[in-house]
């Protein structure tokens, strides 16, 4: 642009990762289905080392986060590659309340002697700083899944760097439209691209982003060594979904805020957790380090776990399912999953989609009233699988 003004993230989501701009080239980088490349060319030597469709997605995510992105076959593959960079026996400081897949991975590594794990309440900055002595890595998630706690990213990152630790921020719930942790002096950002970045509940993918060239190279090398590579079709779909990220966040975030306010006034709801509510403990922090409050709402139903289960069983428009960030609104009782014992039993996590707010509210209101009328006894929930 003539004035060289930095592009808005909403514009970058549309324009980044378009490949060469030669006359006659396709507007979007096509799907490249190849495991093998001709020798002595400029491309990767083998399909596990790179793919033009991945590259387009990496360029777009990197532009949005302000770093170099490396995409993986899943969010957990990205997480694993980052954790693999911790020296043997190194201390990792991580949240007590965060995505339980990450907590399980760290707990398993601790039990095997691969690393030392110290968990803390990251909303309590003093507790985090006290735990950082000798740490190799500080893991943050803000907003956190599923309790929507916030961490002071620049403050804690500064303390971690002073202690000699790297800082990783899981930015899945905020996305780079609402929060850019690398600008808040984090070292690595991770995403479950499965969720809001791709936005259509039709693929698995992850990403790690950093401003350190050597670290980006190490992550890409780890991806190739462990085989955590994404499929080119998934990369193509993720990039197509990314193009509408800003619009989806604007619509779903506005709806989430309105639903949170209505839930807060409902007599059958005991507590609502949403950073956009003035009484949320992290509200002022969210206003400082975020541009928007996100698309996730968590609320606790009067009547305990049985009533919360009944709400999930009674909704008709909203989908009872694990995961988040798609165009459809999802709901689930998080404490039904092993590893979520610290989650309040009656807490429902609502991933707000693109439906009309009044349609969603009518469905929620009817389900709350049906649950209160029936108030069924607790029943065994389906087990197995993995909470997302």
Protein backbone atom coordinates (compact mmCIF):
# COMPACT_ATOMS: atom_id res chain seq x y z
CA UNK A 1 0.00 0.00 0.00
CA UNK A 2 1.15 3.55 -0.77
CA UNK A 3 1.52 4.68 2.84
CA UNK A 4 3.08 1.35 3.96
CA UNK A 5 0.61 1.21 6.82
CA UNK A 6 0.51 -2.26 8.45
CA UNK A 7 -2.48 -4.23 7.26
CA UNK A 8 -5.28 -4.95 9.69
CA UNK A 9 -5.44 -8.62 10.78
CA UNK A 10 -8.83 -8.96 9.08
CA UNK A 11 -7.17 -7.97 5.80
CA UNK A 12 -4.21 -10.28 6.37
CA UNK A 13 -6.60 -13.18 6.89
CA UNK A 14 -7.86 -12.59 3.35
CA UNK A 15 -4.63 -11.68 1.57
CA UNK A 16 -1.79 -13.67 3.16
CA UNK A 17 -0.68 -17.02 1.82
CA UNK A 18 -1.70 -16.39 -1.80
CA UNK A 19 1.58 -17.57 -3.29
CA UNK A 20 3.26 -15.96 -6.30
CA UNK A 21 1.27 -13.15 -7.90
CA UNK A 22 2.19 -13.87 -11.51
CA UNK A 23 -0.38 -13.20 -14.24
CA UNK A 24 -2.40 -16.30 -14.94
CA UNK A 25 -1.65 -18.00 -11.61
CA UNK A 26 -4.58 -19.28 -9.54
CA UNK A 27 -5.82 -16.87 -6.87
CA UNK A 28 -5.57 -19.59 -4.21
CA UNK A 29 -2.66 -21.99 -3.85
CA UNK A 30 -4.00 -25.34 -5.07
CA UNK A 31 -3.96 -28.65 -3.25
CA UNK A 32 -0.66 -30.37 -4.01
CA UNK A 33 -1.06 -34.13 -3.59
CA UNK A 34 2.53 -35.36 -3.67
CA UNK A 35 4.77 -37.51 -1.53
CA UNK A 36 7.70 -37.30 -3.95
CA UNK A 37 9.33 -34.39 -5.76
CA UNK A 38 11.79 -34.30 -8.66
CA UNK A 39 15.38 -33.99 -7.51
CA UNK A 40 17.44 -30.81 -7.92
CA UNK A 41 14.46 -28.51 -7.77
CA UNK A 42 13.65 -25.68 -5.39
CA UNK A 43 10.97 -27.64 -3.54
CA UNK A 44 11.26 -29.98 -0.55
CA UNK A 45 13.11 -33.27 -1.00
CA UNK A 46 10.22 -35.40 0.25
CA UNK A 47 6.57 -35.05 1.20
CA UNK A 48 7.31 -35.21 4.92
CA UNK A 49 9.56 -32.16 4.64
CA UNK A 50 7.17 -29.73 3.01
CA UNK A 51 4.25 -29.07 0.72
CA UNK A 52 3.23 -25.91 -1.17
CA UNK A 53 -0.27 -26.08 0.32
CA UNK A 54 1.17 -26.19 3.85
CA UNK A 55 3.43 -23.28 2.97
CA UNK A 56 0.48 -21.10 1.97
CA UNK A 57 -1.27 -21.80 5.27
CA UNK A 58 1.93 -21.22 7.24
CA UNK A 59 2.43 -17.87 5.53
CA UNK A 60 -1.10 -16.79 6.45
CA UNK A 61 -0.94 -17.90 10.09
CA UNK A 62 2.56 -16.45 10.43
CA UNK A 63 1.41 -13.11 9.03
CA UNK A 64 -1.50 -13.01 11.46
CA UNK A 65 0.62 -13.86 14.51
CA UNK A 66 3.65 -11.84 13.43
CA UNK A 67 6.12 -14.73 13.18
CA UNK A 68 7.03 -17.91 11.31
CA UNK A 69 4.40 -20.65 11.50
CA UNK A 70 4.90 -24.40 11.33
CA UNK A 71 1.75 -26.45 10.82
CA UNK A 72 1.19 -29.95 12.22
CA UNK A 73 -1.27 -32.80 11.86
CA UNK A 74 -3.12 -31.76 15.05
CA UNK A 75 -2.96 -29.29 17.89
CA UNK A 76 -1.46 -31.95 20.14
CA UNK A 77 1.24 -32.68 17.54
CA UNK A 78 2.19 -29.00 17.68
CA UNK A 79 2.16 -29.08 21.48
CA UNK A 80 4.31 -32.21 21.53
CA UNK A 81 6.89 -30.66 19.22
CA UNK A 82 7.18 -27.63 21.51
CA UNK A 83 7.43 -29.76 24.67
CA UNK A 84 10.10 -31.91 23.00
CA UNK A 85 12.31 -28.83 23.01
CA UNK A 86 12.47 -28.82 26.82
CA UNK A 87 15.82 -30.21 28.04
CA UNK A 88 15.70 -33.58 29.77
CA UNK A 89 14.53 -33.07 33.35
CA UNK A 90 13.75 -29.41 32.69
CA UNK A 91 11.12 -27.64 34.77
CA UNK A 92 7.87 -26.71 33.06
CA UNK A 93 5.48 -24.34 34.85
CA UNK A 94 1.94 -24.82 33.55
CA UNK A 95 -1.64 -23.92 34.48
CA UNK A 96 -3.73 -26.01 36.83
CA UNK A 97 -6.73 -25.17 34.67
CA UNK A 98 -6.03 -25.48 30.95
CA UNK A 99 -6.83 -27.75 28.05
CA UNK A 100 -6.68 -31.19 29.58
CA UNK A 101 -4.82 -32.76 26.64
CA UNK A 102 -1.85 -30.53 27.40
CA UNK A 103 -2.10 -31.29 31.11
CA UNK A 104 -2.19 -35.03 30.37
CA UNK A 105 0.85 -34.79 28.12
CA UNK A 106 2.85 -32.87 30.71
CA UNK A 107 1.73 -35.16 33.54
CA UNK A 108 2.76 -38.21 31.53
CA UNK A 109 6.16 -36.70 30.72
CA UNK A 110 6.64 -35.86 34.41
CA UNK A 111 5.73 -39.41 35.48
CA UNK A 112 8.28 -40.84 33.03
CA UNK A 113 11.02 -38.53 34.28
CA UNK A 114 11.20 -36.71 30.95
CA UNK A 115 10.62 -33.34 32.62
CA UNK A 116 9.57 -31.80 35.92
CA UNK A 117 6.10 -30.28 36.09
CA UNK A 118 4.92 -27.54 38.43
CA UNK A 119 1.28 -26.50 38.10
CA UNK A 120 0.02 -23.12 39.26
CA UNK A 121 -3.00 -20.86 39.07
CA UNK A 122 -1.80 -18.61 36.26
CA UNK A 123 -4.38 -15.97 37.16
CA UNK A 124 -2.33 -15.52 40.36
CA UNK A 125 0.75 -13.83 39.02
CA UNK A 126 2.67 -14.05 42.28
CA UNK A 127 2.28 -17.83 42.40
CA UNK A 128 3.60 -18.12 38.83
CA UNK A 129 6.61 -15.92 39.49
CA UNK A 130 7.46 -17.90 42.63
CA UNK A 131 7.42 -21.15 40.63
CA UNK A 132 9.71 -19.88 37.86
CA UNK A 133 13.05 -20.31 39.62
CA UNK A 134 15.08 -22.69 37.46
CA UNK A 135 12.26 -23.17 34.94
CA UNK A 136 12.93 -24.00 31.30
CA UNK A 137 9.42 -23.25 30.05
CA UNK A 138 6.32 -21.35 31.12
CA UNK A 139 3.13 -22.59 29.48
CA UNK A 140 0.21 -20.16 29.42
CA UNK A 141 -3.31 -20.45 28.07
CA UNK A 142 -5.37 -17.28 27.93
CA UNK A 143 -8.33 -17.40 27.86
CA UNK A 144 -8.08 -20.85 29.39
CA UNK A 145 -10.20 -23.82 28.41
CA UNK A 146 -12.77 -24.36 29.90
CA UNK A 147 -12.93 -21.88 32.83
CA UNK A 148 -11.99 -18.83 30.72
CA UNK A 149 -9.41 -17.58 33.22
CA UNK A 150 -6.95 -15.01 31.90
CA UNK A 151 -3.21 -14.72 32.41
CA UNK A 152 -1.22 -11.48 32.33
CA UNK A 153 0.85 -12.46 29.28
CA UNK A 154 3.34 -9.54 29.15
CA UNK A 155 3.83 -9.47 32.91
CA UNK A 156 4.38 -13.21 33.27
CA UNK A 157 6.46 -13.42 30.11
CA UNK A 158 8.77 -10.73 31.43
CA UNK A 159 9.17 -12.61 34.72
CA UNK A 160 9.80 -15.88 32.90
CA UNK A 161 12.47 -14.35 30.68
CA UNK A 162 14.16 -12.88 33.73
CA UNK A 163 14.27 -16.41 35.16
CA UNK A 164 15.73 -17.79 31.91
CA UNK A 165 12.56 -19.57 30.73
CA UNK A 166 10.86 -19.60 27.36
CA UNK A 167 7.18 -18.67 27.20
CA UNK A 168 4.51 -20.50 25.22
CA UNK A 169 0.96 -19.19 24.88
CA UNK A 170 -1.92 -21.30 23.65
CA UNK A 171 -3.88 -18.74 21.64
CA UNK A 172 -6.58 -21.12 20.38
CA UNK A 173 -9.55 -19.42 22.06
CA UNK A 174 -8.51 -15.85 21.30
CA UNK A 175 -6.99 -16.30 17.80
CA UNK A 176 -4.59 -13.66 16.42
CA UNK A 177 -7.57 -11.48 15.53
CA UNK A 178 -8.21 -10.88 19.23
CA UNK A 179 -4.75 -11.39 20.74
CA UNK A 180 -1.15 -11.50 19.45
CA UNK A 181 1.03 -13.08 22.16
CA UNK A 182 4.30 -12.61 20.26
CA UNK A 183 3.71 -8.85 20.50
CA UNK A 184 3.17 -9.42 24.24
CA UNK A 185 6.72 -10.89 24.30
CA UNK A 186 5.84 -14.58 24.28
CA UNK A 187 8.35 -16.82 22.47
CA UNK A 188 5.99 -19.38 20.92
CA UNK A 189 2.28 -19.37 20.13
CA UNK A 190 0.41 -22.62 19.61
CA UNK A 191 -2.99 -23.21 18.03
CA UNK A 192 -5.40 -25.99 17.53
CA UNK A 193 -6.12 -25.00 13.94
CA UNK A 194 -8.97 -27.50 14.17
CA UNK A 195 -10.92 -24.90 16.10
CA UNK A 196 -11.51 -21.24 15.25
CA UNK A 197 -8.76 -20.76 12.68
CA UNK A 198 -10.27 -23.28 10.27
CA UNK A 199 -13.73 -22.83 11.75
CA UNK A 200 -15.84 -25.52 10.08
CA UNK A 201 -15.46 -28.68 12.22
CA UNK A 202 -14.09 -30.66 9.28
CA UNK A 203 -10.36 -31.18 9.90
CA UNK A 204 -7.63 -31.76 12.48
CA UNK A 205 -4.55 -29.53 12.45
CA UNK A 206 -2.23 -27.58 14.73
CA UNK A 207 0.34 -24.81 14.44
CA UNK A 208 3.25 -23.33 16.35
CA UNK A 209 4.49 -19.80 15.61
CA UNK A 210 7.69 -18.07 16.68
CA UNK A 211 9.83 -15.07 15.75
CA UNK A 212 13.07 -17.02 16.31
CA UNK A 213 14.30 -18.48 12.99
CA UNK A 214 16.34 -21.22 14.67
CA UNK A 215 13.36 -22.26 16.76
CA UNK A 216 11.08 -22.38 13.72
CA UNK A 217 13.65 -24.58 11.97
CA UNK A 218 13.83 -26.87 15.01
CA UNK A 219 10.03 -27.21 15.10
CA UNK A 220 9.90 -28.06 11.40
CA UNK A 221 12.67 -30.61 11.89
CA UNK A 222 10.78 -32.16 14.79
CA UNK A 223 7.67 -32.37 12.62
CA UNK A 224 9.56 -34.25 9.93
CA UNK A 225 11.28 -36.58 12.39
CA UNK A 226 8.11 -37.56 14.24
CA UNK A 227 5.84 -37.57 11.20
CA UNK A 228 3.33 -35.10 12.61
CA UNK A 229 2.67 -33.68 9.16
CA UNK A 230 -0.69 -32.35 8.00
CA UNK A 231 -2.46 -33.50 4.88
CA UNK A 232 -2.50 -31.06 1.95
CA UNK A 233 -6.30 -31.23 1.70
CA UNK A 234 -6.63 -30.33 5.37
CA UNK A 235 -4.22 -27.43 4.84
CA UNK A 236 -6.26 -26.19 1.89
CA UNK A 237 -9.50 -26.36 3.89
CA UNK A 238 -7.90 -24.65 6.89
CA UNK A 239 -6.69 -21.78 4.74
CA UNK A 240 -10.09 -21.43 3.12
CA UNK A 241 -11.67 -21.27 6.57
CA UNK A 242 -9.09 -18.76 7.77
CA UNK A 243 -10.22 -16.29 5.11
CA UNK A 244 -13.46 -15.63 7.04
CA UNK A 245 -11.93 -15.69 10.54
CA UNK A 246 -12.46 -12.01 11.30
CA UNK A 247 -16.10 -12.06 10.21
CA UNK A 248 -16.81 -15.26 12.14
CA UNK A 249 -15.23 -13.86 15.30
CA UNK A 250 -17.14 -10.60 14.99
CA UNK A 251 -20.48 -12.38 14.62
CA UNK A 252 -19.91 -15.18 17.13
CA UNK A 253 -18.21 -12.91 19.65
CA UNK A 254 -21.12 -10.46 19.59
CA UNK A 255 -23.58 -13.29 20.06
CA UNK A 256 -21.49 -14.78 22.88
CA UNK A 257 -21.52 -11.48 24.75
CA UNK A 258 -25.29 -11.14 24.43
CA UNK A 259 -25.90 -14.73 25.52
CA UNK A 260 -23.60 -14.22 28.51
CA UNK A 261 -25.58 -11.17 29.59
CA UNK A 262 -28.90 -13.02 29.22
CA UNK A 263 -27.60 -16.07 31.06
CA UNK A 264 -26.35 -13.85 33.87
CA UNK A 265 -29.93 -12.68 34.44
CA UNK A 266 -31.52 -16.13 34.24
CA UNK A 267 -32.75 -17.53 37.59
CA UNK A 268 -31.67 -21.08 36.73
CA UNK A 269 -28.03 -20.07 36.11
CA UNK A 270 -25.74 -19.72 39.13
CA UNK A 271 -22.63 -18.28 37.50
CA UNK A 272 -21.51 -17.09 34.07
CA UNK A 273 -17.87 -16.96 33.01
CA UNK A 274 -17.16 -14.65 30.08
CA UNK A 275 -14.30 -12.12 29.91
CA UNK A 276 -16.61 -9.51 28.43
CA UNK A 277 -18.73 -9.33 31.59
CA UNK A 278 -17.61 -6.51 33.90
CA UNK A 279 -17.64 -8.83 36.93
CA UNK A 280 -15.32 -11.39 35.33
CA UNK A 281 -12.06 -11.39 37.36
CA UNK A 282 -10.04 -10.96 34.18
CA UNK A 283 -12.24 -8.34 32.52
CA UNK A 284 -9.84 -5.40 32.82
CA UNK A 285 -6.91 -7.59 31.79
CA UNK A 286 -8.86 -8.72 28.74
CA UNK A 287 -9.52 -5.11 27.82
CA UNK A 288 -5.78 -4.39 27.98
CA UNK A 289 -4.35 -7.34 26.07
CA UNK A 290 -7.20 -8.47 23.82
CA UNK A 291 -9.23 -6.96 21.01
CA UNK A 292 -12.55 -8.62 21.79
CA UNK A 293 -13.65 -11.17 24.35
CA UNK A 294 -13.98 -14.35 22.35
CA UNK A 295 -16.68 -16.78 21.32
CA UNK A 296 -16.71 -19.07 24.38
CA UNK A 297 -19.10 -18.82 27.32
CA UNK A 298 -19.06 -21.07 30.39
CA UNK A 299 -21.96 -21.14 32.82
CA UNK A 300 -23.01 -23.18 35.83
CA UNK A 301 -26.55 -24.49 36.03
CA UNK A 302 -28.60 -24.54 39.23
CA UNK A 303 -29.31 -28.12 40.20
CA UNK A 304 -25.83 -29.56 39.73
CA UNK A 305 -24.51 -32.07 37.24
CA UNK A 306 -27.87 -33.74 36.66
CA UNK A 307 -29.47 -30.46 35.63
CA UNK A 308 -26.49 -29.62 33.41
CA UNK A 309 -26.75 -33.01 31.70
CA UNK A 310 -30.47 -32.40 31.22
CA UNK A 311 -29.77 -29.09 29.49
CA UNK A 312 -27.44 -30.87 27.04
CA UNK A 313 -30.11 -33.51 26.44
CA UNK A 314 -32.84 -30.89 25.88
CA UNK A 315 -31.26 -28.49 23.39
CA UNK A 316 -32.49 -28.88 19.81
CA UNK A 317 -30.66 -26.25 17.79
CA UNK A 318 -27.43 -26.26 19.80
CA UNK A 319 -25.36 -29.42 19.33
CA UNK A 320 -24.16 -31.47 22.33
CA UNK A 321 -20.57 -32.25 21.31
CA UNK A 322 -16.96 -31.82 22.36
CA UNK A 323 -14.83 -29.32 20.43
CA UNK A 324 -15.26 -25.64 19.70
CA UNK A 325 -14.80 -22.90 17.17
CA UNK A 326 -17.06 -24.09 14.35
CA UNK A 327 -19.90 -22.27 12.65
CA UNK A 328 -22.38 -24.30 14.71
CA UNK A 329 -22.97 -23.72 18.43
CA UNK A 330 -21.82 -26.61 20.64
CA UNK A 331 -22.47 -27.35 24.30
CA UNK A 332 -21.12 -29.88 26.76
CA UNK A 333 -20.67 -30.53 30.46
CA UNK A 334 -16.91 -30.50 30.76
CA UNK A 335 -16.66 -32.34 34.09
CA UNK A 336 -17.97 -35.49 32.39
CA UNK A 337 -14.43 -36.11 31.09
CA UNK A 338 -11.64 -37.79 33.05
CA UNK A 339 -9.06 -35.20 33.98
CA UNK A 340 -11.62 -32.42 34.47
CA UNK A 341 -12.15 -33.08 38.17
CA UNK A 342 -11.32 -29.47 39.03
CA UNK A 343 -14.06 -28.24 36.73
CA UNK A 344 -17.35 -27.44 38.53
CA UNK A 345 -19.72 -30.40 37.98
CA UNK A 346 -22.54 -28.21 36.66
CA UNK A 347 -20.39 -26.12 34.30
CA UNK A 348 -21.48 -26.07 30.67
CA UNK A 349 -19.07 -24.88 28.00
CA UNK A 350 -20.79 -23.11 25.13
CA UNK A 351 -18.92 -22.61 21.87
CA UNK A 352 -20.97 -19.96 20.13
CA UNK A 353 -21.41 -20.24 16.37
CA UNK A 354 -23.08 -18.17 13.69
CA UNK A 355 -26.77 -18.83 14.31
CA UNK A 356 -29.05 -15.91 15.18
CA UNK A 357 -28.78 -14.90 18.82
CA UNK A 358 -32.53 -15.08 19.43
CA UNK A 359 -32.74 -18.60 18.05
CA UNK A 360 -29.91 -19.71 20.29
CA UNK A 361 -31.44 -18.01 23.31
CA UNK A 362 -34.83 -19.59 22.72
CA UNK A 363 -33.16 -23.01 22.59
CA UNK A 364 -31.09 -22.38 25.74
CA UNK A 365 -34.01 -20.94 27.67
CA UNK A 366 -36.27 -23.86 26.81
CA UNK A 367 -33.55 -26.36 27.73
CA UNK A 368 -32.92 -24.66 31.09
CA UNK A 369 -36.61 -24.74 31.91
CA UNK A 370 -36.94 -28.37 30.82
CA UNK A 371 -33.96 -29.32 32.97
CA UNK A 372 -35.39 -27.52 35.98
CA UNK A 373 -38.77 -29.25 35.54
CA UNK A 374 -37.32 -32.72 35.13
CA UNK A 375 -34.23 -32.41 37.35
CA UNK A 376 -33.33 -36.03 36.59
CA UNK A 377 -31.01 -38.00 38.86
CA UNK A 378 -27.36 -38.20 37.76
CA UNK A 379 -26.79 -40.78 35.11
CA UNK A 380 -23.64 -42.32 33.75
CA UNK A 381 -22.20 -40.42 30.84
CA UNK A 382 -20.62 -42.08 27.83
CA UNK A 383 -16.94 -42.65 28.52
CA UNK A 384 -13.87 -43.01 26.42
CA UNK A 385 -12.44 -40.73 23.83
CA UNK A 386 -10.79 -37.42 24.35
CA UNK A 387 -12.29 -34.10 25.35
CA UNK A 388 -11.47 -31.30 22.96
